[in-house]
Amino acid sequence: MQTVSKEVCTYEYQQKEVIAPARIIDLGYERAFKSFPVTHCEHKIVKEGYKEKEVESCYLEGVEIPYRLPSVTANIHDFIELAAPVPEKKCRLFRYDVPEIVCKDEVNKQCVTLLSLAPDHVRATVSLVVDQPRGNCDYRNLEQTTQICDIVKKVKVPKYNRPSYGQYRF
């Protein structure tokens, strides 16, 4: 096992009273009047000799119309109290164990004794007869096939047959 240490940090927030400058703007409306010219037209009947004629006469008249004009009061500086969050860093050291895994190859040598099968014919007689009403009695030869495997090893024999080298035989 291997022990590892790690530092973990978190932030906690505390409320802190702060005095901050503020600008207060006062928005108001002033009532104003403006004179606008308005055209008035009248139809009059005028006599010209023996005939009467309709004439339109127009004149301008000034009419005062009220409206509201927004007004902004100059900036007034003031100070207000605010509660602002202030971060505070807190760290802790954690220790934990990491398991160590070791991988390796493991080799085992074992000897196994195998039986060998030889081809053979076996004759057997059946002594039990089963009565079947619809049965079909046929003679059959039962066979079982076996597979025979031979292992052939090739052994190198040195060219020079000197007693100091020895002979390889298996």
N, C-alpha and C. Protein backbone atom coordinates (compact mmCIF):
# COMPACT_ATOMS: atom_id res chain seq x y z
N MET A 1 0.84 -1.18 0.00
CA MET A 1 0.00 0.00 0.00
C MET A 1 0.89 1.24 0.00
N GLN A 2 0.39 2.24 -0.68
CA GLN A 2 1.11 3.50 -0.74
C GLN A 2 0.19 4.58 -0.19
N THR A 3 0.69 5.41 0.73
CA THR A 3 -0.11 6.48 1.33
C THR A 3 0.12 7.76 0.54
N VAL A 4 -1.00 8.40 0.11
CA VAL A 4 -0.93 9.62 -0.69
C VAL A 4 -1.64 10.73 0.07
N SER A 5 -1.08 11.93 0.00
CA SER A 5 -1.69 13.10 0.66
C SER A 5 -2.14 14.08 -0.41
N LYS A 6 -3.34 14.63 -0.23
CA LYS A 6 -3.89 15.64 -1.13
C LYS A 6 -4.49 16.75 -0.30
N GLU A 7 -4.29 17.99 -0.75
CA GLU A 7 -4.88 19.14 -0.08
C GLU A 7 -6.15 19.53 -0.82
N VAL A 8 -7.26 19.64 -0.08
CA VAL A 8 -8.55 20.00 -0.66
C VAL A 8 -8.97 21.33 -0.05
N CYS A 9 -9.26 22.31 -0.93
CA CYS A 9 -9.64 23.65 -0.46
C CYS A 9 -11.09 23.94 -0.83
N THR A 10 -11.80 24.61 0.09
CA THR A 10 -13.17 25.04 -0.15
C THR A 10 -13.28 26.52 0.25
N TYR A 11 -14.32 27.15 -0.22
CA TYR A 11 -14.55 28.56 0.12
C TYR A 11 -15.83 28.66 0.92
N GLU A 12 -15.74 29.35 2.05
CA GLU A 12 -16.92 29.65 2.86
C GLU A 12 -17.13 31.15 2.81
N TYR A 13 -18.38 31.56 2.74
CA TYR A 13 -18.69 32.98 2.60
C TYR A 13 -19.24 33.52 3.92
N GLN A 14 -18.73 34.67 4.32
CA GLN A 14 -19.18 35.37 5.52
C GLN A 14 -19.74 36.72 5.09
N GLN A 15 -20.80 37.18 5.78
CA GLN A 15 -21.38 38.49 5.49
C GLN A 15 -20.53 39.58 6.14
N LYS A 16 -20.24 40.64 5.40
CA LYS A 16 -19.45 41.75 5.92
C LYS A 16 -20.18 43.04 5.58
N GLU A 17 -20.30 43.91 6.59
CA GLU A 17 -20.95 45.20 6.39
C GLU A 17 -19.99 46.14 5.68
N VAL A 18 -20.46 46.75 4.58
CA VAL A 18 -19.63 47.65 3.78
C VAL A 18 -20.41 48.94 3.58
N ILE A 19 -19.73 50.08 3.70
CA ILE A 19 -20.35 51.37 3.41
C ILE A 19 -19.85 51.78 2.03
N ALA A 20 -20.80 52.01 1.11
CA ALA A 20 -20.46 52.30 -0.27
C ALA A 20 -21.12 53.60 -0.70
N PRO A 21 -20.44 54.37 -1.56
CA PRO A 21 -21.07 55.61 -2.06
C PRO A 21 -22.17 55.27 -3.06
N ALA A 22 -23.22 56.09 -3.06
CA ALA A 22 -24.34 55.86 -3.96
C ALA A 22 -24.72 57.18 -4.61
N ARG A 23 -25.19 57.10 -5.81
CA ARG A 23 -25.69 58.29 -6.50
C ARG A 23 -27.19 58.12 -6.64
N ILE A 24 -27.90 59.09 -6.15
CA ILE A 24 -29.35 59.05 -6.21
C ILE A 24 -29.78 60.11 -7.21
N ILE A 25 -30.59 59.72 -8.16
CA ILE A 25 -31.06 60.64 -9.19
C ILE A 25 -32.57 60.76 -9.01
N ASP A 26 -33.04 62.02 -8.92
CA ASP A 26 -34.47 62.27 -8.75
C ASP A 26 -35.05 62.66 -10.11
N LEU A 27 -36.02 61.89 -10.56
CA LEU A 27 -36.66 62.13 -11.84
C LEU A 27 -38.04 62.70 -11.58
N GLY A 28 -38.33 63.86 -12.16
CA GLY A 28 -39.63 64.50 -11.97
C GLY A 28 -40.16 65.01 -13.30
N TYR A 29 -41.37 65.58 -13.23
CA TYR A 29 -42.01 66.12 -14.44
C TYR A 29 -42.45 67.55 -14.16
N GLU A 30 -42.19 68.44 -15.11
CA GLU A 30 -42.64 69.83 -15.01
C GLU A 30 -43.77 70.03 -16.01
N ARG A 31 -44.77 70.77 -15.58
CA ARG A 31 -45.89 71.05 -16.49
C ARG A 31 -45.55 72.31 -17.27
N ALA A 32 -45.70 72.22 -18.59
CA ALA A 32 -45.38 73.36 -19.45
C ALA A 32 -46.52 73.57 -20.45
N PHE A 33 -46.55 74.77 -21.00
CA PHE A 33 -47.55 75.13 -22.01
C PHE A 33 -46.82 75.69 -23.21
N LYS A 34 -47.36 75.38 -24.38
CA LYS A 34 -46.77 75.91 -25.59
C LYS A 34 -47.90 76.34 -26.50
N SER A 35 -47.68 77.45 -27.16
CA SER A 35 -48.70 77.97 -28.05
C SER A 35 -48.46 77.40 -29.44
N PHE A 36 -49.49 76.80 -29.99
CA PHE A 36 -49.43 76.22 -31.34
C PHE A 36 -50.45 76.95 -32.22
N PRO A 37 -50.07 77.32 -33.43
CA PRO A 37 -51.05 77.97 -34.32
C PRO A 37 -52.03 76.95 -34.89
N VAL A 38 -53.30 77.29 -34.86
CA VAL A 38 -54.36 76.43 -35.38
C VAL A 38 -55.13 77.24 -36.43
N THR A 39 -55.35 76.62 -37.57
CA THR A 39 -56.06 77.30 -38.66
C THR A 39 -57.56 77.04 -38.51
N HIS A 40 -58.37 78.11 -38.56
CA HIS A 40 -59.83 78.02 -38.55
C HIS A 40 -60.34 78.58 -39.87
N CYS A 41 -61.24 77.87 -40.48
CA CYS A 41 -61.81 78.32 -41.76
C CYS A 41 -63.33 78.43 -41.63
N GLU A 42 -63.91 79.47 -42.30
CA GLU A 42 -65.36 79.70 -42.30
C GLU A 42 -65.82 79.93 -43.73
N HIS A 43 -67.04 79.54 -43.98
CA HIS A 43 -67.65 79.80 -45.29
C HIS A 43 -68.60 80.99 -45.13
N LYS A 44 -68.39 82.01 -46.00
CA LYS A 44 -69.23 83.23 -45.96
C LYS A 44 -69.86 83.42 -47.34
N ILE A 45 -71.01 84.01 -47.31
CA ILE A 45 -71.67 84.34 -48.58
C ILE A 45 -71.45 85.84 -48.81
N VAL A 46 -70.88 86.17 -49.96
CA VAL A 46 -70.55 87.55 -50.31
C VAL A 46 -71.37 87.92 -51.57
N LYS A 47 -71.90 89.19 -51.59
CA LYS A 47 -72.67 89.63 -52.74
C LYS A 47 -71.74 90.39 -53.67
N GLU A 48 -71.82 90.01 -54.93
CA GLU A 48 -71.06 90.73 -55.96
C GLU A 48 -72.07 91.17 -57.02
N GLY A 49 -72.42 92.35 -56.92
CA GLY A 49 -73.43 92.83 -57.88
C GLY A 49 -74.75 92.16 -57.60
N TYR A 50 -75.25 91.50 -58.62
CA TYR A 50 -76.52 90.82 -58.48
C TYR A 50 -76.38 89.36 -58.04
N LYS A 51 -75.17 88.93 -57.95
CA LYS A 51 -74.95 87.52 -57.63
C LYS A 51 -74.43 87.37 -56.20
N GLU A 52 -74.71 86.18 -55.62
CA GLU A 52 -74.12 85.83 -54.33
C GLU A 52 -73.07 84.75 -54.55
N LYS A 53 -72.01 84.90 -53.81
CA LYS A 53 -70.89 83.99 -53.99
C LYS A 53 -70.45 83.47 -52.62
N GLU A 54 -70.12 82.16 -52.57
CA GLU A 54 -69.66 81.56 -51.29
C GLU A 54 -68.13 81.61 -51.28
N VAL A 55 -67.59 82.20 -50.22
CA VAL A 55 -66.13 82.37 -50.12
C VAL A 55 -65.68 81.75 -48.79
N GLU A 56 -64.55 81.10 -48.86
CA GLU A 56 -63.98 80.50 -47.64
C GLU A 56 -62.90 81.43 -47.12
N SER A 57 -63.00 81.79 -45.84
CA SER A 57 -61.97 82.64 -45.24
C SER A 57 -61.34 81.89 -44.06
N CYS A 58 -60.01 81.92 -44.02
CA CYS A 58 -59.28 81.21 -42.97
C CYS A 58 -58.42 82.20 -42.21
N TYR A 59 -58.22 81.91 -40.93
CA TYR A 59 -57.35 82.73 -40.10
C TYR A 59 -56.64 81.83 -39.09
N LEU A 60 -55.49 82.29 -38.58
CA LEU A 60 -54.71 81.55 -37.60
C LEU A 60 -55.04 82.03 -36.21
N GLU A 61 -55.16 81.07 -35.31
CA GLU A 61 -55.44 81.42 -33.92
C GLU A 61 -54.44 80.64 -33.06
N GLY A 62 -53.83 81.25 -32.08
CA GLY A 62 -52.87 80.59 -31.19
C GLY A 62 -53.58 79.88 -30.06
N VAL A 63 -53.32 78.58 -29.89
CA VAL A 63 -53.94 77.78 -28.84
C VAL A 63 -52.82 77.24 -27.95
N GLU A 64 -52.97 77.38 -26.64
CA GLU A 64 -51.95 76.87 -25.71
C GLU A 64 -52.30 75.43 -25.34
N ILE A 65 -51.30 74.51 -25.54
CA ILE A 65 -51.50 73.09 -25.25
C ILE A 65 -50.55 72.71 -24.12
N PRO A 66 -51.09 72.11 -23.04
CA PRO A 66 -50.22 71.71 -21.93
C PRO A 66 -49.51 70.38 -22.25
N TYR A 67 -48.30 70.21 -21.73
CA TYR A 67 -47.54 68.96 -21.85
C TYR A 67 -46.64 68.83 -20.64
N ARG A 68 -46.10 67.60 -20.42
CA ARG A 68 -45.21 67.35 -19.28
C ARG A 68 -43.79 67.14 -19.80
N LEU A 69 -42.86 67.81 -19.20
CA LEU A 69 -41.46 67.73 -19.59
C LEU A 69 -40.69 67.06 -18.45
N PRO A 70 -39.98 65.96 -18.74
CA PRO A 70 -39.23 65.31 -17.65
C PRO A 70 -38.06 66.18 -17.21
N SER A 71 -37.82 66.15 -15.88
CA SER A 71 -36.69 66.91 -15.35
C SER A 71 -35.87 66.00 -14.44
N VAL A 72 -34.56 66.13 -14.53
CA VAL A 72 -33.64 65.32 -13.75
C VAL A 72 -32.94 66.24 -12.77
N THR A 73 -33.02 65.85 -11.48
CA THR A 73 -32.33 66.62 -10.45
C THR A 73 -30.87 66.22 -10.43
N ALA A 74 -30.00 67.15 -10.14
CA ALA A 74 -28.56 66.90 -10.12
C ALA A 74 -28.24 65.72 -9.20
N ASN A 75 -27.10 65.04 -9.49
CA ASN A 75 -26.69 63.88 -8.69
C ASN A 75 -26.47 64.28 -7.24
N ILE A 76 -27.04 63.49 -6.36
CA ILE A 76 -26.84 63.69 -4.93
C ILE A 76 -26.03 62.52 -4.43
N HIS A 77 -24.88 62.78 -3.86
CA HIS A 77 -24.03 61.70 -3.34
C HIS A 77 -24.47 61.37 -1.93
N ASP A 78 -24.58 60.08 -1.68
CA ASP A 78 -24.98 59.61 -0.36
C ASP A 78 -24.21 58.32 -0.09
N PHE A 79 -24.17 57.86 1.15
CA PHE A 79 -23.50 56.62 1.52
C PHE A 79 -24.54 55.66 2.10
N ILE A 80 -24.48 54.39 1.65
CA ILE A 80 -25.42 53.39 2.14
C ILE A 80 -24.63 52.19 2.68
N GLU A 81 -25.28 51.44 3.58
CA GLU A 81 -24.67 50.24 4.15
C GLU A 81 -25.13 49.03 3.35
N LEU A 82 -24.16 48.19 2.96
CA LEU A 82 -24.45 46.97 2.22
C LEU A 82 -23.88 45.78 2.97
N ALA A 83 -24.53 44.62 2.83
CA ALA A 83 -24.00 43.37 3.37
C ALA A 83 -23.45 42.59 2.17
N ALA A 84 -22.13 42.51 2.06
CA ALA A 84 -21.51 41.84 0.91
C ALA A 84 -20.89 40.52 1.35
N PRO A 85 -21.02 39.46 0.53
CA PRO A 85 -20.38 38.18 0.87
C PRO A 85 -18.87 38.25 0.60
N VAL A 86 -18.09 37.81 1.58
CA VAL A 86 -16.63 37.81 1.45
C VAL A 86 -16.17 36.35 1.52
N PRO A 87 -15.45 35.86 0.49
CA PRO A 87 -15.00 34.45 0.51
C PRO A 87 -13.82 34.26 1.46
N GLU A 88 -13.84 33.14 2.14
CA GLU A 88 -12.73 32.76 3.04
C GLU A 88 -12.30 31.35 2.64
N LYS A 89 -11.02 31.21 2.26
CA LYS A 89 -10.50 29.94 1.79
C LYS A 89 -10.06 29.09 2.98
N LYS A 90 -10.56 27.82 3.01
CA LYS A 90 -10.16 26.88 4.05
C LYS A 90 -9.67 25.61 3.38
N CYS A 91 -8.48 25.17 3.78
CA CYS A 91 -7.88 23.98 3.17
C CYS A 91 -7.66 22.90 4.23
N ARG A 92 -7.83 21.64 3.82
CA ARG A 92 -7.58 20.50 4.70
C ARG A 92 -6.73 19.50 3.95
N LEU A 93 -5.90 18.77 4.70
CA LEU A 93 -5.03 17.75 4.11
C LEU A 93 -5.67 16.38 4.34
N PHE A 94 -5.91 15.65 3.27
CA PHE A 94 -6.48 14.32 3.35
C PHE A 94 -5.40 13.30 2.99
N ARG A 95 -5.34 12.21 3.76
CA ARG A 95 -4.43 11.11 3.47
C ARG A 95 -5.25 9.86 3.21
N TYR A 96 -4.88 9.14 2.18
CA TYR A 96 -5.58 7.91 1.87
C TYR A 96 -4.59 6.91 1.30
N ASP A 97 -4.95 5.64 1.43
CA ASP A 97 -4.08 4.55 0.97
C ASP A 97 -4.50 4.12 -0.43
N VAL A 98 -3.51 3.95 -1.28
CA VAL A 98 -3.73 3.46 -2.63
C VAL A 98 -3.17 2.05 -2.70
N PRO A 99 -3.99 1.06 -3.01
CA PRO A 99 -3.46 -0.31 -3.07
C PRO A 99 -2.51 -0.46 -4.26
N GLU A 100 -1.46 -1.22 -4.03
CA GLU A 100 -0.47 -1.45 -5.08
C GLU A 100 -0.71 -2.84 -5.66
N ILE A 101 -0.87 -2.90 -6.95
CA ILE A 101 -1.16 -4.16 -7.62
C ILE A 101 0.07 -4.55 -8.43
N VAL A 102 0.57 -5.76 -8.18
CA VAL A 102 1.74 -6.27 -8.89
C VAL A 102 1.29 -7.44 -9.75
N CYS A 103 1.60 -7.38 -11.01
CA CYS A 103 1.22 -8.45 -11.93
C CYS A 103 2.49 -9.20 -12.35
N LYS A 104 2.41 -10.53 -12.38
CA LYS A 104 3.54 -11.33 -12.83
C LYS A 104 2.99 -12.61 -13.45
N ASP A 105 3.79 -13.17 -14.34
CA ASP A 105 3.41 -14.42 -14.98
C ASP A 105 3.89 -15.57 -14.10
N GLU A 106 3.04 -16.56 -13.96
CA GLU A 106 3.39 -17.72 -13.16
C GLU A 106 3.34 -18.96 -14.06
N VAL A 107 4.44 -19.71 -14.10
CA VAL A 107 4.54 -20.87 -14.97
C VAL A 107 4.68 -22.11 -14.11
N ASN A 108 3.83 -23.12 -14.35
CA ASN A 108 3.90 -24.40 -13.65
C ASN A 108 4.16 -25.49 -14.69
N LYS A 109 5.08 -26.37 -14.38
CA LYS A 109 5.34 -27.51 -15.25
C LYS A 109 4.77 -28.74 -14.56
N GLN A 110 3.93 -29.47 -15.30
CA GLN A 110 3.30 -30.65 -14.74
C GLN A 110 3.38 -31.79 -15.75
N CYS A 111 3.49 -32.96 -15.24
CA CYS A 111 3.51 -34.14 -16.10
C CYS A 111 2.14 -34.81 -16.04
N VAL A 112 1.65 -35.26 -17.19
CA VAL A 112 0.34 -35.88 -17.28
C VAL A 112 0.51 -37.22 -17.99
N THR A 113 -0.08 -38.26 -17.43
CA THR A 113 -0.04 -39.58 -18.05
C THR A 113 -1.32 -39.77 -18.84
N LEU A 114 -1.19 -40.05 -20.15
CA LEU A 114 -2.35 -40.23 -21.01
C LEU A 114 -2.45 -41.69 -21.41
N LEU A 115 -3.67 -42.15 -21.47
CA LEU A 115 -3.91 -43.50 -21.95
C LEU A 115 -4.06 -43.46 -23.45
N SER A 116 -3.63 -44.52 -24.10
CA SER A 116 -3.79 -44.57 -25.56
C SER A 116 -4.83 -45.62 -25.89
N LEU A 117 -5.56 -45.38 -26.95
CA LEU A 117 -6.60 -46.30 -27.39
C LEU A 117 -6.09 -47.06 -28.61
N ALA A 118 -6.38 -48.35 -28.63
CA ALA A 118 -6.01 -49.18 -29.78
C ALA A 118 -7.28 -49.65 -30.44
N PRO A 119 -7.28 -49.74 -31.76
CA PRO A 119 -8.50 -50.22 -32.42
C PRO A 119 -8.81 -51.66 -32.04
N ASP A 120 -10.07 -51.96 -31.79
CA ASP A 120 -10.46 -53.30 -31.35
C ASP A 120 -11.92 -53.52 -31.74
N HIS A 121 -12.30 -54.75 -31.96
CA HIS A 121 -13.67 -55.11 -32.26
C HIS A 121 -14.24 -55.86 -31.07
N VAL A 122 -15.42 -55.49 -30.65
CA VAL A 122 -16.08 -56.14 -29.51
C VAL A 122 -17.42 -56.65 -29.99
N ARG A 123 -17.67 -57.93 -29.68
CA ARG A 123 -18.96 -58.51 -30.02
C ARG A 123 -19.73 -58.75 -28.73
N ALA A 124 -21.02 -58.36 -28.74
CA ALA A 124 -21.86 -58.56 -27.57
C ALA A 124 -23.21 -59.05 -28.01
N THR A 125 -23.84 -59.80 -27.14
CA THR A 125 -25.18 -60.32 -27.44
C THR A 125 -26.18 -59.63 -26.56
N VAL A 126 -27.35 -59.41 -27.09
CA VAL A 126 -28.41 -58.74 -26.34
C VAL A 126 -29.33 -59.81 -25.82
N SER A 127 -29.60 -59.78 -24.51
CA SER A 127 -30.43 -60.82 -23.92
C SER A 127 -31.80 -60.27 -23.53
N LEU A 128 -32.05 -58.97 -23.69
CA LEU A 128 -33.32 -58.38 -23.28
C LEU A 128 -34.11 -58.02 -24.53
N VAL A 129 -35.34 -58.50 -24.60
CA VAL A 129 -36.21 -58.21 -25.73
C VAL A 129 -37.33 -57.32 -25.23
N VAL A 130 -37.56 -56.22 -25.90
CA VAL A 130 -38.64 -55.30 -25.53
C VAL A 130 -39.74 -55.46 -26.55
N ASP A 131 -40.96 -55.69 -26.06
CA ASP A 131 -42.10 -55.90 -26.95
C ASP A 131 -42.67 -54.54 -27.32
N GLN A 132 -42.66 -54.26 -28.62
CA GLN A 132 -43.25 -53.02 -29.11
C GLN A 132 -44.29 -53.37 -30.13
N PRO A 133 -45.54 -52.90 -29.96
CA PRO A 133 -46.58 -53.27 -30.91
C PRO A 133 -46.30 -52.77 -32.32
N ARG A 134 -45.74 -51.67 -32.49
CA ARG A 134 -45.47 -51.14 -33.82
C ARG A 134 -43.98 -51.19 -34.12
N GLY A 135 -43.25 -51.95 -33.43
CA GLY A 135 -41.80 -51.96 -33.56
C GLY A 135 -41.32 -52.50 -34.89
N ASN A 136 -40.11 -52.16 -35.24
CA ASN A 136 -39.48 -52.63 -36.45
C ASN A 136 -38.15 -53.23 -36.03
N CYS A 137 -38.06 -54.53 -36.10
CA CYS A 137 -36.86 -55.20 -35.65
C CYS A 137 -35.88 -55.29 -36.80
N ASP A 138 -34.78 -54.62 -36.69
CA ASP A 138 -33.72 -54.66 -37.69
C ASP A 138 -32.42 -55.00 -36.98
N TYR A 139 -31.58 -55.66 -37.71
CA TYR A 139 -30.24 -55.92 -37.18
C TYR A 139 -29.35 -54.74 -37.56
N ARG A 140 -28.60 -54.28 -36.57
CA ARG A 140 -27.69 -53.17 -36.82
C ARG A 140 -26.33 -53.48 -36.24
N ASN A 141 -25.31 -52.99 -36.91
CA ASN A 141 -23.95 -53.07 -36.38
C ASN A 141 -23.63 -51.73 -35.73
N LEU A 142 -23.24 -51.77 -34.48
CA LEU A 142 -22.86 -50.56 -33.76
C LEU A 142 -21.36 -50.36 -33.91
N GLU A 143 -20.98 -49.15 -34.25
CA GLU A 143 -19.56 -48.83 -34.42
C GLU A 143 -19.23 -47.58 -33.62
N GLN A 144 -18.04 -47.54 -33.14
CA GLN A 144 -17.55 -46.34 -32.45
C GLN A 144 -16.19 -46.03 -33.03
N THR A 145 -16.04 -44.81 -33.50
CA THR A 145 -14.76 -44.43 -34.11
C THR A 145 -13.90 -43.76 -33.06
N THR A 146 -12.65 -44.07 -33.10
CA THR A 146 -11.69 -43.45 -32.18
C THR A 146 -10.59 -42.83 -33.00
N GLN A 147 -9.98 -41.82 -32.45
CA GLN A 147 -8.89 -41.14 -33.14
C GLN A 147 -7.62 -41.39 -32.36
N ILE A 148 -6.59 -41.78 -33.05
CA ILE A 148 -5.32 -42.09 -32.42
C ILE A 148 -4.33 -41.02 -32.83
N CYS A 149 -3.69 -40.41 -31.86
CA CYS A 149 -2.73 -39.34 -32.12
C CYS A 149 -1.35 -39.82 -31.71
N ASP A 150 -0.38 -39.59 -32.56
CA ASP A 150 1.01 -39.93 -32.25
C ASP A 150 1.79 -38.64 -32.18
N ILE A 151 2.66 -38.52 -31.21
CA ILE A 151 3.54 -37.36 -31.08
C ILE A 151 4.91 -37.78 -31.57
N VAL A 152 5.42 -37.03 -32.53
CA VAL A 152 6.72 -37.35 -33.11
C VAL A 152 7.68 -36.27 -32.68
N LYS A 153 8.78 -36.66 -32.06
CA LYS A 153 9.80 -35.70 -31.65
C LYS A 153 11.01 -35.91 -32.54
N LYS A 154 11.53 -34.81 -33.05
CA LYS A 154 12.75 -34.88 -33.84
C LYS A 154 13.91 -34.49 -32.95
N VAL A 155 14.91 -35.29 -32.93
CA VAL A 155 16.07 -35.06 -32.07
C VAL A 155 17.28 -34.84 -32.96
N LYS A 156 18.04 -33.80 -32.63
CA LYS A 156 19.25 -33.53 -33.39
C LYS A 156 20.39 -34.38 -32.86
N VAL A 157 21.06 -34.99 -33.77
CA VAL A 157 22.23 -35.80 -33.41
C VAL A 157 23.44 -35.08 -34.01
N PRO A 158 24.48 -34.83 -33.20
CA PRO A 158 25.63 -34.09 -33.75
C PRO A 158 26.32 -34.88 -34.85
N LYS A 159 26.92 -34.13 -35.80
CA LYS A 159 27.63 -34.77 -36.91
C LYS A 159 28.86 -35.52 -36.42
N TYR A 160 29.59 -34.92 -35.52
CA TYR A 160 30.82 -35.55 -35.03
C TYR A 160 30.47 -36.42 -33.85
N ASN A 161 30.79 -37.66 -33.93
CA ASN A 161 30.44 -38.61 -32.89
C ASN A 161 31.62 -38.77 -31.95
N ARG A 162 31.95 -37.71 -31.23
CA ARG A 162 33.06 -37.75 -30.27
C ARG A 162 32.47 -37.98 -28.89
N PRO A 163 33.20 -38.69 -28.04
CA PRO A 163 32.69 -38.95 -26.70
C PRO A 163 32.58 -37.70 -25.84
N SER A 164 33.36 -36.61 -26.14
CA SER A 164 33.32 -35.41 -25.30
C SER A 164 32.02 -34.63 -25.48
N TYR A 165 31.41 -34.73 -26.68
CA TYR A 165 30.16 -34.02 -26.91
C TYR A 165 28.98 -34.81 -26.37
N GLY A 166 29.06 -36.10 -26.34
CA GLY A 166 27.93 -36.91 -25.89
C GLY A 166 26.92 -37.10 -27.01
N GLN A 167 25.98 -37.93 -26.80
CA GLN A 167 24.93 -38.16 -27.78
C GLN A 167 23.61 -37.80 -27.17
N TYR A 168 22.81 -37.23 -28.03
CA TYR A 168 21.46 -36.86 -27.58
C TYR A 168 20.52 -37.95 -28.00
N ARG A 169 19.86 -38.55 -27.03
CA ARG A 169 18.86 -39.59 -27.35
C ARG A 169 17.66 -39.41 -26.44
N PHE A 170 16.55 -39.63 -27.02
CA PHE A 170 15.29 -39.56 -26.25
C PHE A 170 14.44 -40.74 -26.56
